């Protein structure tokens, strides 16, 4: 498997984790500390997804300049 497949797989896993975290925050009746942990995981995964698209944009821009 090449690097492109790993990036796509990583993106899919991160999106699934974000969806699961959102569902957990909405539907689980947990205490405040657990909600903070879930929200932290959610924020970190969202940053990872945004970083993926930022890197993709930079790669496309550098490819177009050549």
Protein backbone atom coordinates (compact mmCIF):
# COMPACT_ATOMS: atom_id res chain seq x y z
CA UNK A 1 0.00 0.00 0.00
CA UNK A 2 1.33 3.40 -0.86
CA UNK A 3 1.31 6.57 1.21
CA UNK A 4 -1.82 7.92 -0.48
CA UNK A 5 -3.88 4.96 0.75
CA UNK A 6 -2.61 5.44 4.30
CA UNK A 7 -3.56 9.13 4.20
CA UNK A 8 -7.06 8.30 2.99
CA UNK A 9 -7.43 5.60 5.64
CA UNK A 10 -6.22 8.00 8.32
CA UNK A 11 -8.73 10.60 7.18
CA UNK A 12 -11.59 8.08 7.26
CA UNK A 13 -10.62 6.91 10.75
CA UNK A 14 -10.41 10.50 12.01
CA UNK A 15 -13.83 11.34 10.59
CA UNK A 16 -15.33 8.24 12.21
CA UNK A 17 -13.80 9.18 15.57
CA UNK A 18 -15.24 12.70 15.25
CA UNK A 19 -18.71 11.32 14.50
CA UNK A 20 -18.52 8.90 17.42
CA UNK A 21 -17.39 11.68 19.78
CA UNK A 22 -20.26 13.92 18.69
CA UNK A 23 -22.75 11.09 19.22
CA UNK A 24 -21.26 10.34 22.64
CA UNK A 25 -21.55 13.98 23.69
CA UNK A 26 -25.16 14.16 22.54
CA UNK A 27 -26.56 10.84 23.73
CA UNK A 28 -24.50 9.71 26.72
CA UNK A 29 -25.42 10.89 30.18
CA UNK A 30 -21.90 11.23 31.56
CA UNK A 31 -20.40 13.47 34.17
CA UNK A 32 -18.58 16.71 33.36
CA UNK A 33 -15.03 15.27 33.44
CA UNK A 34 -15.80 12.57 30.87
CA UNK A 35 -17.45 15.13 28.61
CA UNK A 36 -14.29 17.27 28.78
CA UNK A 37 -12.18 14.27 27.74
CA UNK A 38 -14.53 13.47 24.84
CA UNK A 39 -14.54 17.12 23.73
CA UNK A 40 -10.73 17.20 23.85
CA UNK A 41 -10.50 14.12 21.63
CA UNK A 42 -13.04 15.71 19.30
CA UNK A 43 -11.05 18.94 19.01
CA UNK A 44 -7.76 17.11 18.39
CA UNK A 45 -9.27 14.96 15.67
CA UNK A 46 -10.88 17.98 14.02
CA UNK A 47 -7.46 19.66 13.96
CA UNK A 48 -6.03 16.53 12.36
CA UNK A 49 -8.70 16.57 9.64
CA UNK A 50 -8.15 20.28 8.98
CA UNK A 51 -4.39 19.69 8.80
CA UNK A 52 -4.95 16.97 6.21
CA UNK A 53 -6.86 19.34 3.94
CA UNK A 54 -4.34 22.14 4.50
CA UNK A 55 -1.49 19.82 3.47
CA UNK A 56 -3.48 18.70 0.45
CA UNK A 57 -3.98 22.32 -0.59
CA UNK A 58 -0.26 23.07 -0.20
CA UNK A 59 0.64 19.98 -2.25
CA UNK A 60 -1.74 21.02 -5.03
CA UNK A 61 -0.37 24.55 -5.02
CA UNK A 62 3.25 23.34 -5.22
CA UNK A 63 2.33 20.87 -7.96
CA UNK A 64 0.67 23.62 -10.01
CA UNK A 65 3.70 25.90 -9.71
CA UNK A 66 5.98 23.35 -11.39
